[in-house]
Amino acid sequence: MAGPKMHLLMAVMLLGAWSIPQGVSSLEPNYYAKTCPNVEEIVRKVVKEQINRTSETVPVTIHYYFQDCIGDGADASILTRTPLSNEAVFTVVKAKEALESVPECKGKVSCADIFTITNRDVINMAGGPHFEVELGRFDSLPSPFSFSRKSSLHDGSNSFELDAFLLMFALKGLNMTDFVALMGSHTVGHAHCKAFANRIYNFSATSPVDPTLNPQFAAQLQKLCPVNVDPSVRVPLDSVTPNVFDNQYYKNLMNGEGLLSVDQMLYSDDRTRAYVVDWAQNPQHFNHALSAAMVKMGRIGVLSSSTGNIRTHCDKYNTEFS
């Protein structure tokens, strides 16, 4: 009889029917050189304004861009299913409005591309690398088959093992290096206490606290997240430099201070430990790997003019205005 691990892997393998190939033929850095040459400058100005308004713009944008790409592909479909109050949606919508106010750019730039530029810019403005993005995507059309549930790196728990994550990424054309690099995005943002409560209170019958956790860190988490804590309470994913996009995340893992199970697994597992050690010691190596992984992720499920369009409003399909 198949064990829990085999059942888990089989379940993830079923995602193969929903796997989305990478499409790169239409993408190029200078896609808007003739139609909207200042697109990146215009978007960057809006992103800077939004970050100055609230630092939450950074982690929320990165998180939702990941969800968009890994779920349906880099087509900005998630923006149509997420409230405008969401910082990622709000920032992309504002950037689109700014572009639409420029005559030569009006109706030319897709929301999927704006989202891609925005994701790169929040990373860079928070201290991370600046990398060249590929452009030329089209936006998703209304479809009854769009996922209402997106994949999330915050779903890490002891039951969702590293093998399953690696398989899920492989189905999207991303390898182990990409996975570990993208996990580095947990250097910013927060997680609710319930996301890691099992690690500090009821990990197993013999060890209430996850033994991979640094004891002092576990005690700190128990103070921040006592039993029956308010469900709204959140803890920084990186307690050392929570608002800076750097390589501190990997240093934390080496110290047993990975907040989520999937975080600490990267150091506990022999297959991924070398990445953690290298990137903890060499931030330039991490920046290079992260940049490459973000570009690859942005190629997933790219739509063409025959399968998508350019939305007038990034949070609504064009058919809602027809």
C-alpha atoms as a PDB file:
ATOM      1  CA  MET A   1       0.000   0.000   0.000  1.00  0.00           C
ATOM      2  CA  ALA A   2       1.359   3.428  -0.958  1.00  0.00           C
ATOM      3  CA  GLY A   3       2.534   5.596   1.927  1.00  0.00           C
ATOM      4  CA  PRO A   4       1.656   9.274   2.565  1.00  0.00           C
ATOM      5  CA  LYS A   5       4.692  10.497   0.642  1.00  0.00           C
ATOM      6  CA  MET A   6       3.750   8.492  -2.448  1.00  0.00           C
ATOM      7  CA  HIS A   7       0.157   9.727  -2.296  1.00  0.00           C
ATOM      8  CA  LEU A   8       1.446  13.296  -2.057  1.00  0.00           C
ATOM      9  CA  LEU A   9       3.739  12.906  -5.031  1.00  0.00           C
ATOM     10  CA  MET A  10       0.988  11.268  -7.078  1.00  0.00           C
ATOM     11  CA  ALA A  11      -1.335  14.150  -6.274  1.00  0.00           C
ATOM     12  CA  VAL A  12       1.213  16.712  -7.371  1.00  0.00           C
ATOM     13  CA  MET A  13       1.942  14.716 -10.525  1.00  0.00           C
ATOM     14  CA  LEU A  14      -1.709  15.093 -11.459  1.00  0.00           C
ATOM     15  CA  LEU A  15      -0.909  18.781 -11.842  1.00  0.00           C
ATOM     16  CA  GLY A  16       0.874  17.708 -15.006  1.00  0.00           C
ATOM     17  CA  ALA A  17      -2.443  18.027 -16.794  1.00  0.00           C
ATOM     18  CA  TRP A  18      -2.409  21.659 -15.727  1.00  0.00           C
ATOM     19  CA  SER A  19       1.285  22.297 -16.270  1.00  0.00           C
ATOM     20  CA  ILE A  20       1.947  25.407 -18.294  1.00  0.00           C
ATOM     21  CA  PRO A  21       4.914  25.452 -20.688  1.00  0.00           C
ATOM     22  CA  GLN A  22       7.256  28.369 -21.032  1.00  0.00           C
ATOM     23  CA  GLY A  23       6.731  30.558 -24.074  1.00  0.00           C
ATOM     24  CA  VAL A  24       9.544  32.921 -25.001  1.00  0.00           C
ATOM     25  CA  SER A  25       9.344  33.471 -28.763  1.00  0.00           C
ATOM     26  CA  SER A  26       7.470  36.765 -28.446  1.00  0.00           C
ATOM     27  CA  LEU A  27       9.416  38.166 -25.501  1.00  0.00           C
ATOM     28  CA  GLU A  28      12.248  40.663 -25.757  1.00  0.00           C
ATOM     29  CA  PRO A  29      13.610  43.457 -23.548  1.00  0.00           C
ATOM     30  CA  ASN A  30      12.983  46.163 -26.167  1.00  0.00           C
ATOM     31  CA  TYR A  31       9.469  45.110 -27.121  1.00  0.00           C
ATOM     32  CA  TYR A  32       8.053  48.622 -26.541  1.00  0.00           C
ATOM     33  CA  ALA A  33      11.018  50.545 -27.948  1.00  0.00           C
ATOM     34  CA  LYS A  34       8.932  52.040 -30.769  1.00  0.00           C
ATOM     35  CA  THR A  35       5.441  52.059 -29.252  1.00  0.00           C
ATOM     36  CA  CYS A  36       6.109  53.167 -25.650  1.00  0.00           C
ATOM     37  CA  PRO A  37       9.845  53.775 -25.179  1.00  0.00           C
ATOM     38  CA  ASN A  38       9.548  55.158 -21.641  1.00  0.00           C
ATOM     39  CA  VAL A  39       7.397  52.341 -20.278  1.00  0.00           C
ATOM     40  CA  GLU A  40       9.893  51.202 -17.637  1.00  0.00           C
ATOM     41  CA  GLU A  41      10.573  54.731 -16.398  1.00  0.00           C
ATOM     42  CA  ILE A  42       6.855  55.462 -16.096  1.00  0.00           C
ATOM     43  CA  VAL A  43       6.172  52.243 -14.181  1.00  0.00           C
ATOM     44  CA  ARG A  44       9.184  52.726 -11.936  1.00  0.00           C
ATOM     45  CA  LYS A  45       7.995  56.184 -10.886  1.00  0.00           C
ATOM     46  CA  VAL A  46       4.630  54.755  -9.824  1.00  0.00           C
ATOM     47  CA  VAL A  47       6.265  51.866  -7.972  1.00  0.00           C
ATOM     48  CA  LYS A  48       8.466  54.280  -6.034  1.00  0.00           C
ATOM     49  CA  GLU A  49       5.437  56.333  -5.037  1.00  0.00           C
ATOM     50  CA  GLN A  50       3.598  53.247  -3.812  1.00  0.00           C
ATOM     51  CA  ILE A  51       6.566  51.965  -1.795  1.00  0.00           C
ATOM     52  CA  ASN A  52       6.874  55.401  -0.168  1.00  0.00           C
ATOM     53  CA  ARG A  53       3.190  55.118   0.703  1.00  0.00           C
ATOM     54  CA  THR A  54       3.543  51.663   2.286  1.00  0.00           C
ATOM     55  CA  SER A  55       6.382  49.157   2.533  1.00  0.00           C
ATOM     56  CA  GLU A  56       3.826  46.352   2.152  1.00  0.00           C
ATOM     57  CA  THR A  57       3.943  47.056  -1.583  1.00  0.00           C
ATOM     58  CA  VAL A  58       7.204  45.105  -1.831  1.00  0.00           C
ATOM     59  CA  PRO A  59       6.352  41.678  -0.361  1.00  0.00           C
ATOM     60  CA  VAL A  60       2.756  41.690  -1.565  1.00  0.00           C
ATOM     61  CA  THR A  61       3.764  42.422  -5.164  1.00  0.00           C
ATOM     62  CA  ILE A  62       6.431  39.698  -5.160  1.00  0.00           C
ATOM     63  CA  HIS A  63       4.059  37.189  -3.594  1.00  0.00           C
ATOM     64  CA  TYR A  64       1.217  37.815  -6.019  1.00  0.00           C
ATOM     65  CA  TYR A  65       3.484  37.905  -9.062  1.00  0.00           C
ATOM     66  CA  PHE A  66       4.738  34.463  -8.054  1.00  0.00           C
ATOM     67  CA  GLN A  67       1.160  33.251  -7.661  1.00  0.00           C
ATOM     68  CA  ASP A  68       0.212  34.627 -11.054  1.00  0.00           C
ATOM     69  CA  CYS A  69       3.102  32.971 -12.879  1.00  0.00           C
ATOM     70  CA  ILE A  70       3.011  29.600 -11.135  1.00  0.00           C
ATOM     71  CA  GLY A  71      -0.776  29.361 -11.260  1.00  0.00           C
ATOM     72  CA  ASP A  72      -2.146  30.280 -14.688  1.00  0.00           C
ATOM     73  CA  GLY A  73       1.046  31.675 -16.198  1.00  0.00           C
ATOM     74  CA  ALA A  74       2.358  35.235 -16.481  1.00  0.00           C
ATOM     75  CA  ASP A  75      -0.897  36.670 -17.806  1.00  0.00           C
ATOM     76  CA  ALA A  76      -2.067  38.993 -14.998  1.00  0.00           C
ATOM     77  CA  SER A  77      -5.140  36.810 -14.442  1.00  0.00           C
ATOM     78  CA  ILE A  78      -4.762  37.040 -10.664  1.00  0.00           C
ATOM     79  CA  LEU A  79      -5.348  40.791 -10.833  1.00  0.00           C
ATOM     80  CA  THR A  80      -8.947  40.192 -11.932  1.00  0.00           C
ATOM     81  CA  ARG A  81      -9.644  37.982  -8.916  1.00  0.00           C
ATOM     82  CA  THR A  82      -8.002  40.095  -6.221  1.00  0.00           C
ATOM     83  CA  PRO A  83      -9.467  43.231  -4.569  1.00  0.00           C
ATOM     84  CA  LEU A  84      -8.140  46.624  -5.588  1.00  0.00           C
ATOM     85  CA  SER A  85      -7.190  47.137  -1.938  1.00  0.00           C
ATOM     86  CA  ASN A  86      -4.410  44.596  -2.467  1.00  0.00           C
ATOM     87  CA  GLU A  87      -1.116  46.484  -2.780  1.00  0.00           C
ATOM     88  CA  ALA A  88       0.036  44.511  -5.829  1.00  0.00           C
ATOM     89  CA  VAL A  89      -3.192  45.110  -7.730  1.00  0.00           C
ATOM     90  CA  PHE A  90      -3.331  48.759  -6.707  1.00  0.00           C
ATOM     91  CA  THR A  91       0.239  49.393  -7.863  1.00  0.00           C
ATOM     92  CA  VAL A  92      -0.254  47.736 -11.258  1.00  0.00           C
ATOM     93  CA  VAL A  93      -3.563  49.561 -11.768  1.00  0.00           C
ATOM     94  CA  LYS A  94      -1.926  52.900 -10.963  1.00  0.00           C
ATOM     95  CA  ALA A  95       0.955  52.156 -13.333  1.00  0.00           C
ATOM     96  CA  LYS A  96      -1.514  51.271 -16.075  1.00  0.00           C
ATOM     97  CA  GLU A  97      -3.372  54.539 -15.514  1.00  0.00           C
ATOM     98  CA  ALA A  98      -0.092  56.440 -15.803  1.00  0.00           C
ATOM     99  CA  LEU A  99       0.735  54.703 -19.080  1.00  0.00           C
ATOM    100  CA  GLU A 100      -2.751  55.250 -20.490  1.00  0.00           C
ATOM    101  CA  SER A 101      -2.323  58.989 -19.886  1.00  0.00           C
ATOM    102  CA  VAL A 102       0.626  59.016 -22.310  1.00  0.00           C
ATOM    103  CA  PRO A 103      -0.778  59.205 -25.869  1.00  0.00           C
ATOM    104  CA  GLU A 104       1.874  57.013 -27.493  1.00  0.00           C
ATOM    105  CA  CYS A 105       1.466  54.330 -24.807  1.00  0.00           C
ATOM    106  CA  LYS A 106      -2.332  54.291 -24.623  1.00  0.00           C
ATOM    107  CA  GLY A 107      -3.648  50.788 -25.296  1.00  0.00           C
ATOM    108  CA  LYS A 108      -0.167  49.465 -26.014  1.00  0.00           C
ATOM    109  CA  VAL A 109       1.212  47.987 -22.772  1.00  0.00           C
ATOM    110  CA  SER A 110      -0.228  44.810 -21.273  1.00  0.00           C
ATOM    111  CA  CYS A 111      -0.974  44.429 -17.583  1.00  0.00           C
ATOM    112  CA  ALA A 112       1.110  41.250 -17.574  1.00  0.00           C
ATOM    113  CA  ASP A 113       4.148  43.246 -18.656  1.00  0.00           C
ATOM    114  CA  ILE A 114       3.421  46.014 -16.161  1.00  0.00           C
ATOM    115  CA  PHE A 115       3.214  43.364 -13.429  1.00  0.00           C
ATOM    116  CA  THR A 116       6.564  41.948 -14.553  1.00  0.00           C
ATOM    117  CA  ILE A 117       8.252  45.349 -14.479  1.00  0.00           C
ATOM    118  CA  THR A 118       6.653  46.148 -11.122  1.00  0.00           C
ATOM    119  CA  ASN A 119       7.898  42.908  -9.601  1.00  0.00           C
ATOM    120  CA  ARG A 120      11.456  43.634 -10.724  1.00  0.00           C
ATOM    121  CA  ASP A 121      11.293  47.211  -9.457  1.00  0.00           C
ATOM    122  CA  VAL A 122      10.016  46.403  -5.952  1.00  0.00           C
ATOM    123  CA  ILE A 123      12.829  43.872  -5.562  1.00  0.00           C
ATOM    124  CA  ASN A 124      15.415  46.399  -6.689  1.00  0.00           C
ATOM    125  CA  MET A 125      14.047  49.299  -4.635  1.00  0.00           C
ATOM    126  CA  ALA A 126      14.085  47.130  -1.516  1.00  0.00           C
ATOM    127  CA  GLY A 127      17.784  46.423  -1.973  1.00  0.00           C
ATOM    128  CA  GLY A 128      17.739  43.504  -4.393  1.00  0.00           C
ATOM    129  CA  PRO A 129      19.249  43.213  -7.872  1.00  0.00           C
ATOM    130  CA  HIS A 130      18.188  45.146 -10.945  1.00  0.00           C
ATOM    131  CA  PHE A 131      17.795  42.817 -13.899  1.00  0.00           C
ATOM    132  CA  GLU A 132      16.604  43.141 -17.459  1.00  0.00           C
ATOM    133  CA  VAL A 133      13.032  41.966 -17.969  1.00  0.00           C
ATOM    134  CA  GLU A 134      11.575  40.440 -21.107  1.00  0.00           C
ATOM    135  CA  LEU A 135       8.390  42.036 -22.424  1.00  0.00           C
ATOM    136  CA  GLY A 136       5.715  41.259 -24.988  1.00  0.00           C
ATOM    137  CA  ARG A 137       3.070  39.386 -22.989  1.00  0.00           C
ATOM    138  CA  PHE A 138      -0.658  39.685 -23.535  1.00  0.00           C
ATOM    139  CA  ASP A 139      -3.320  39.584 -20.834  1.00  0.00           C
ATOM    140  CA  SER A 140      -5.619  36.679 -20.077  1.00  0.00           C
ATOM    141  CA  LEU A 141      -9.179  36.488 -21.333  1.00  0.00           C
ATOM    142  CA  PRO A 142     -12.151  35.398 -19.214  1.00  0.00           C
ATOM    143  CA  SER A 143     -12.085  31.629 -18.789  1.00  0.00           C
ATOM    144  CA  PRO A 144     -14.018  29.151 -16.640  1.00  0.00           C
ATOM    145  CA  PHE A 145     -10.824  27.113 -16.366  1.00  0.00           C
ATOM    146  CA  SER A 146      -8.696  29.736 -14.606  1.00  0.00           C
ATOM    147  CA  PHE A 147      -7.451  28.539 -11.220  1.00  0.00           C
ATOM    148  CA  SER A 148      -9.269  30.078  -8.292  1.00  0.00           C
ATOM    149  CA  ARG A 149      -6.583  28.641  -6.009  1.00  0.00           C
ATOM    150  CA  LYS A 150      -3.014  29.708  -6.598  1.00  0.00           C
ATOM    151  CA  SER A 151       0.159  27.911  -5.572  1.00  0.00           C
ATOM    152  CA  SER A 152       1.966  29.629  -2.749  1.00  0.00           C
ATOM    153  CA  LEU A 153       5.340  29.312  -1.103  1.00  0.00           C
ATOM    154  CA  HIS A 154       3.565  30.244   2.135  1.00  0.00           C
ATOM    155  CA  ASP A 155       1.770  26.919   2.054  1.00  0.00           C
ATOM    156  CA  GLY A 156       4.876  25.161   3.333  1.00  0.00           C
ATOM    157  CA  SER A 157       4.102  22.664   6.070  1.00  0.00           C
ATOM    158  CA  ASN A 158       5.543  19.379   7.209  1.00  0.00           C
ATOM    159  CA  SER A 159       3.043  17.503   5.062  1.00  0.00           C
ATOM    160  CA  PHE A 160       4.095  19.232   1.836  1.00  0.00           C
ATOM    161  CA  GLU A 161       7.605  17.902   1.425  1.00  0.00           C
ATOM    162  CA  LEU A 162      10.465  19.342  -0.565  1.00  0.00           C
ATOM    163  CA  ASP A 163      10.058  16.688  -3.250  1.00  0.00           C
ATOM    164  CA  ALA A 164       6.557  17.915  -3.967  1.00  0.00           C
ATOM    165  CA  PHE A 165       7.684  21.511  -4.293  1.00  0.00           C
ATOM    166  CA  LEU A 166      10.485  20.541  -6.651  1.00  0.00           C
ATOM    167  CA  LEU A 167       8.092  18.509  -8.766  1.00  0.00           C
ATOM    168  CA  MET A 168       5.574  21.336  -8.886  1.00  0.00           C
ATOM    169  CA  PHE A 169       8.289  23.708 -10.085  1.00  0.00           C
ATOM    170  CA  ALA A 170       9.612  21.200 -12.620  1.00  0.00           C
ATOM    171  CA  LEU A 171       6.159  21.054 -14.193  1.00  0.00           C
ATOM    172  CA  LYS A 172       6.527  24.777 -14.841  1.00  0.00           C
ATOM    173  CA  GLY A 173      10.000  24.486 -16.349  1.00  0.00           C
ATOM    174  CA  LEU A 174      11.847  25.611 -13.230  1.00  0.00           C
ATOM    175  CA  ASN A 175      14.702  23.630 -11.686  1.00  0.00           C
ATOM    176  CA  MET A 176      16.063  23.215  -8.169  1.00  0.00           C
ATOM    177  CA  THR A 177      18.316  26.267  -8.439  1.00  0.00           C
ATOM    178  CA  ASP A 178      15.328  28.386  -9.475  1.00  0.00           C
ATOM    179  CA  PHE A 179      13.267  27.075  -6.567  1.00  0.00           C
ATOM    180  CA  VAL A 180      15.882  27.817  -3.910  1.00  0.00           C
ATOM    181  CA  ALA A 181      16.535  31.258  -5.420  1.00  0.00           C
ATOM    182  CA  LEU A 182      12.848  32.186  -5.535  1.00  0.00           C
ATOM    183  CA  MET A 183      12.500  31.070  -1.931  1.00  0.00           C
ATOM    184  CA  GLY A 184      14.957  33.852  -1.161  1.00  0.00           C
ATOM    185  CA  SER A 185      12.037  36.230  -1.659  1.00  0.00           C
ATOM    186  CA  HIS A 186      11.113  35.266   1.895  1.00  0.00           C
ATOM    187  CA  THR A 187      13.697  37.817   2.951  1.00  0.00           C
ATOM    188  CA  VAL A 188      10.757  40.259   2.981  1.00  0.00           C
ATOM    189  CA  GLY A 189       7.157  39.890   4.062  1.00  0.00           C
ATOM    190  CA  HIS A 190       5.292  38.225   6.902  1.00  0.00           C
ATOM    191  CA  ALA A 191       3.470  35.009   7.759  1.00  0.00           C
ATOM    192  CA  HIS A 192       0.530  34.516  10.098  1.00  0.00           C
ATOM    193  CA  CYS A 193       1.186  32.525  13.241  1.00  0.00           C
ATOM    194  CA  LYS A 194      -0.980  29.635  12.042  1.00  0.00           C
ATOM    195  CA  ALA A 195       1.455  29.030   9.173  1.00  0.00           C
ATOM    196  CA  PHE A 196       4.119  27.743  11.566  1.00  0.00           C
ATOM    197  CA  ALA A 197       2.205  27.034  14.813  1.00  0.00           C
ATOM    198  CA  ASN A 198       2.750  23.297  14.454  1.00  0.00           C
ATOM    199  CA  ARG A 199       6.514  23.864  14.515  1.00  0.00           C
ATOM    200  CA  ILE A 200       6.484  25.523  17.934  1.00  0.00           C
ATOM    201  CA  TYR A 201       3.691  23.684  19.753  1.00  0.00           C
ATOM    202  CA  ASN A 202       2.788  20.273  18.369  1.00  0.00           C
ATOM    203  CA  PHE A 203       5.480  19.179  15.944  1.00  0.00           C
ATOM    204  CA  SER A 204       5.410  15.520  17.008  1.00  0.00           C
ATOM    205  CA  ALA A 205       4.555  13.245  19.904  1.00  0.00           C
ATOM    206  CA  THR A 206       8.168  13.174  21.045  1.00  0.00           C
ATOM    207  CA  SER A 207       9.124  16.770  20.270  1.00  0.00           C
ATOM    208  CA  PRO A 208       6.567  19.582  20.602  1.00  0.00           C
ATOM    209  CA  VAL A 209       9.046  21.978  18.945  1.00  0.00           C
ATOM    210  CA  ASP A 210      10.574  21.279  15.536  1.00  0.00           C
ATOM    211  CA  PRO A 211      14.154  20.164  16.352  1.00  0.00           C
ATOM    212  CA  THR A 212      15.473  22.018  13.286  1.00  0.00           C
ATOM    213  CA  LEU A 213      14.454  25.310  14.916  1.00  0.00           C
ATOM    214  CA  ASN A 214      17.014  27.244  16.913  1.00  0.00           C
ATOM    215  CA  PRO A 215      15.725  26.913  20.545  1.00  0.00           C
ATOM    216  CA  GLN A 216      16.075  30.643  21.227  1.00  0.00           C
ATOM    217  CA  PHE A 217      14.243  31.455  17.998  1.00  0.00           C
ATOM    218  CA  ALA A 218      11.488  28.979  18.866  1.00  0.00           C
ATOM    219  CA  ALA A 219      11.064  30.619  22.283  1.00  0.00           C
ATOM    220  CA  GLN A 220      10.855  34.021  20.622  1.00  0.00           C
ATOM    221  CA  LEU A 221       8.154  32.766  18.262  1.00  0.00           C
ATOM    222  CA  GLN A 222       6.169  31.323  21.171  1.00  0.00           C
ATOM    223  CA  LYS A 223       6.159  34.780  22.795  1.00  0.00           C
ATOM    224  CA  LEU A 224       5.037  36.427  19.573  1.00  0.00           C
ATOM    225  CA  CYS A 225       2.471  33.720  18.851  1.00  0.00           C
ATOM    226  CA  PRO A 226       1.075  32.316  22.106  1.00  0.00           C
ATOM    227  CA  VAL A 227      -1.598  29.617  22.092  1.00  0.00           C
ATOM    228  CA  ASN A 228      -4.941  31.079  20.939  1.00  0.00           C
ATOM    229  CA  VAL A 229      -3.195  34.113  19.481  1.00  0.00           C
ATOM    230  CA  ASP A 230      -5.237  36.602  17.451  1.00  0.00           C
ATOM    231  CA  PRO A 231      -5.430  35.121  13.921  1.00  0.00           C
ATOM    232  CA  SER A 232      -4.377  38.463  12.442  1.00  0.00           C
ATOM    233  CA  VAL A 233      -0.972  38.465  14.156  1.00  0.00           C
ATOM    234  CA  ARG A 234       1.931  38.155  11.733  1.00  0.00           C
ATOM    235  CA  VAL A 235       5.659  37.577  12.107  1.00  0.00           C
ATOM    236  CA  PRO A 236       8.414  38.706   9.711  1.00  0.00           C
ATOM    237  CA  LEU A 237       9.726  35.933   7.478  1.00  0.00           C
ATOM    238  CA  ASP A 238      13.175  37.452   8.055  1.00  0.00           C
ATOM    239  CA  SER A 239      13.412  38.795  11.587  1.00  0.00           C
ATOM    240  CA  VAL A 240      16.839  40.390  11.047  1.00  0.00           C
ATOM    241  CA  THR A 241      16.276  42.641   8.011  1.00  0.00           C
ATOM    242  CA  PRO A 242      12.512  42.314   7.415  1.00  0.00           C
ATOM    243  CA  ASN A 243      12.196  45.233   4.982  1.00  0.00           C
ATOM    244  CA  VAL A 244      15.403  44.723   3.001  1.00  0.00           C
ATOM    245  CA  PHE A 245      15.711  42.419   0.024  1.00  0.00           C
ATOM    246  CA  ASP A 246      19.064  40.771   0.729  1.00  0.00           C
ATOM    247  CA  ASN A 247      20.649  37.369   1.398  1.00  0.00           C
ATOM    248  CA  GLN A 248      19.907  37.414   5.148  1.00  0.00           C
ATOM    249  CA  TYR A 249      17.232  34.754   4.568  1.00  0.00           C
ATOM    250  CA  TYR A 250      19.913  32.154   3.839  1.00  0.00           C
ATOM    251  CA  LYS A 251      21.977  33.222   6.848  1.00  0.00           C
ATOM    252  CA  ASN A 252      18.877  32.722   8.976  1.00  0.00           C
ATOM    253  CA  LEU A 253      18.460  29.173   7.672  1.00  0.00           C
ATOM    254  CA  MET A 254      22.034  28.319   8.669  1.00  0.00           C
ATOM    255  CA  ASN A 255      21.177  29.570  12.176  1.00  0.00           C
ATOM    256  CA  GLY A 256      18.011  27.466  12.408  1.00  0.00           C
ATOM    257  CA  GLU A 257      15.794  30.525  12.002  1.00  0.00           C
ATOM    258  CA  GLY A 258      13.725  29.586   8.964  1.00  0.00           C
ATOM    259  CA  LEU A 259      10.161  30.570   9.846  1.00  0.00           C
ATOM    260  CA  LEU A 260       8.280  28.066   7.689  1.00  0.00           C
ATOM    261  CA  SER A 261       8.971  24.369   7.346  1.00  0.00           C
ATOM    262  CA  VAL A 262       9.767  24.719   3.669  1.00  0.00           C
ATOM    263  CA  ASP A 263      12.275  27.443   4.528  1.00  0.00           C
ATOM    264  CA  GLN A 264      14.290  25.360   6.977  1.00  0.00           C
ATOM    265  CA  MET A 265      14.061  22.294   4.722  1.00  0.00           C
ATOM    266  CA  LEU A 266      16.372  24.048   2.293  1.00  0.00           C
ATOM    267  CA  TYR A 267      19.195  23.806   4.814  1.00  0.00           C
ATOM    268  CA  SER A 268      18.192  20.454   6.268  1.00  0.00           C
ATOM    269  CA  ASP A 269      18.080  18.692   2.888  1.00  0.00           C
ATOM    270  CA  ASP A 270      21.412  17.605   1.398  1.00  0.00           C
ATOM    271  CA  ARG A 271      20.273  18.503  -2.110  1.00  0.00           C
ATOM    272  CA  THR A 272      19.709  22.178  -1.395  1.00  0.00           C
ATOM    273  CA  ARG A 273      22.054  22.926   1.525  1.00  0.00           C
ATOM    274  CA  ALA A 274      24.949  23.919  -0.726  1.00  0.00           C
ATOM    275  CA  TYR A 275      22.863  26.672  -2.304  1.00  0.00           C
ATOM    276  CA  VAL A 276      21.973  28.045   1.124  1.00  0.00           C
ATOM    277  CA  VAL A 277      25.590  28.089   2.284  1.00  0.00           C
ATOM    278  CA  ASP A 278      26.879  29.647  -0.930  1.00  0.00           C
ATOM    279  CA  TRP A 279      24.247  32.366  -1.102  1.00  0.00           C
ATOM    280  CA  ALA A 280      24.550  33.161   2.604  1.00  0.00           C
ATOM    281  CA  GLN A 281      28.237  33.844   2.024  1.00  0.00           C
ATOM    282  CA  ASN A 282      28.078  35.321  -1.479  1.00  0.00           C
ATOM    283  CA  PRO A 283      25.206  37.764  -2.038  1.00  0.00           C
ATOM    284  CA  GLN A 284      26.249  38.356  -5.650  1.00  0.00           C
ATOM    285  CA  HIS A 285      25.729  34.650  -6.380  1.00  0.00           C
ATOM    286  CA  PHE A 286      22.225  34.875  -4.937  1.00  0.00           C
ATOM    287  CA  ASN A 287      21.423  38.024  -6.915  1.00  0.00           C
ATOM    288  CA  HIS A 288      22.495  36.339 -10.140  1.00  0.00           C
ATOM    289  CA  ALA A 289      20.458  33.191  -9.450  1.00  0.00           C
ATOM    290  CA  LEU A 290      17.395  35.159  -8.354  1.00  0.00           C
ATOM    291  CA  SER A 291      17.500  37.366 -11.464  1.00  0.00           C
ATOM    292  CA  ALA A 292      17.692  34.328 -13.747  1.00  0.00           C
ATOM    293  CA  ALA A 293      14.877  32.555 -11.886  1.00  0.00           C
ATOM    294  CA  MET A 294      12.589  35.599 -12.040  1.00  0.00           C
ATOM    295  CA  VAL A 295      13.117  35.912 -15.797  1.00  0.00           C
ATOM    296  CA  LYS A 296      12.387  32.199 -16.277  1.00  0.00           C
ATOM    297  CA  MET A 297       9.260  32.412 -14.127  1.00  0.00           C
ATOM    298  CA  GLY A 298       8.051  35.328 -16.242  1.00  0.00           C
ATOM    299  CA  ARG A 299       8.097  33.074 -19.314  1.00  0.00           C
ATOM    300  CA  ILE A 300       5.530  30.618 -17.973  1.00  0.00           C
ATOM    301  CA  GLY A 301       2.320  30.442 -19.982  1.00  0.00           C
ATOM    302  CA  VAL A 302       2.935  33.613 -21.979  1.00  0.00           C
ATOM    303  CA  LEU A 303      -0.033  34.555 -24.159  1.00  0.00           C
ATOM    304  CA  SER A 304       0.121  35.944 -27.695  1.00  0.00           C
ATOM    305  CA  SER A 305      -2.178  38.373 -29.499  1.00  0.00           C
ATOM    306  CA  SER A 306      -4.229  35.404 -30.684  1.00  0.00           C
ATOM    307  CA  THR A 307      -4.764  33.985 -27.186  1.00  0.00           C
ATOM    308  CA  GLY A 308      -4.911  37.163 -25.117  1.00  0.00           C
ATOM    309  CA  ASN A 309      -5.412  40.907 -25.342  1.00  0.00           C
ATOM    310  CA  ILE A 310      -4.334  44.171 -23.730  1.00  0.00           C
ATOM    311  CA  ARG A 311      -6.697  45.172 -20.955  1.00  0.00           C
ATOM    312  CA  THR A 312      -7.908  48.712 -20.545  1.00  0.00           C
ATOM    313  CA  HIS A 313      -8.181  48.217 -16.776  1.00  0.00           C
ATOM    314  CA  CYS A 314      -5.808  45.733 -15.194  1.00  0.00           C
ATOM    315  CA  ASP A 315      -8.250  44.523 -12.555  1.00  0.00           C
ATOM    316  CA  LYS A 316     -11.100  43.899 -15.013  1.00  0.00           C
ATOM    317  CA  TYR A 317     -11.521  42.055 -18.280  1.00  0.00           C
ATOM    318  CA  ASN A 318     -12.282  44.189 -21.325  1.00  0.00           C
ATOM    319  CA  THR A 319     -15.559  42.318 -21.836  1.00  0.00           C
ATOM    320  CA  GLU A 320     -16.867  43.932 -18.675  1.00  0.00           C
ATOM    321  CA  PHE A 321     -16.810  47.252 -20.507  1.00  0.00           C
ATOM    322  CA  SER A 322     -18.165  46.082 -23.853  1.00  0.00           C
END
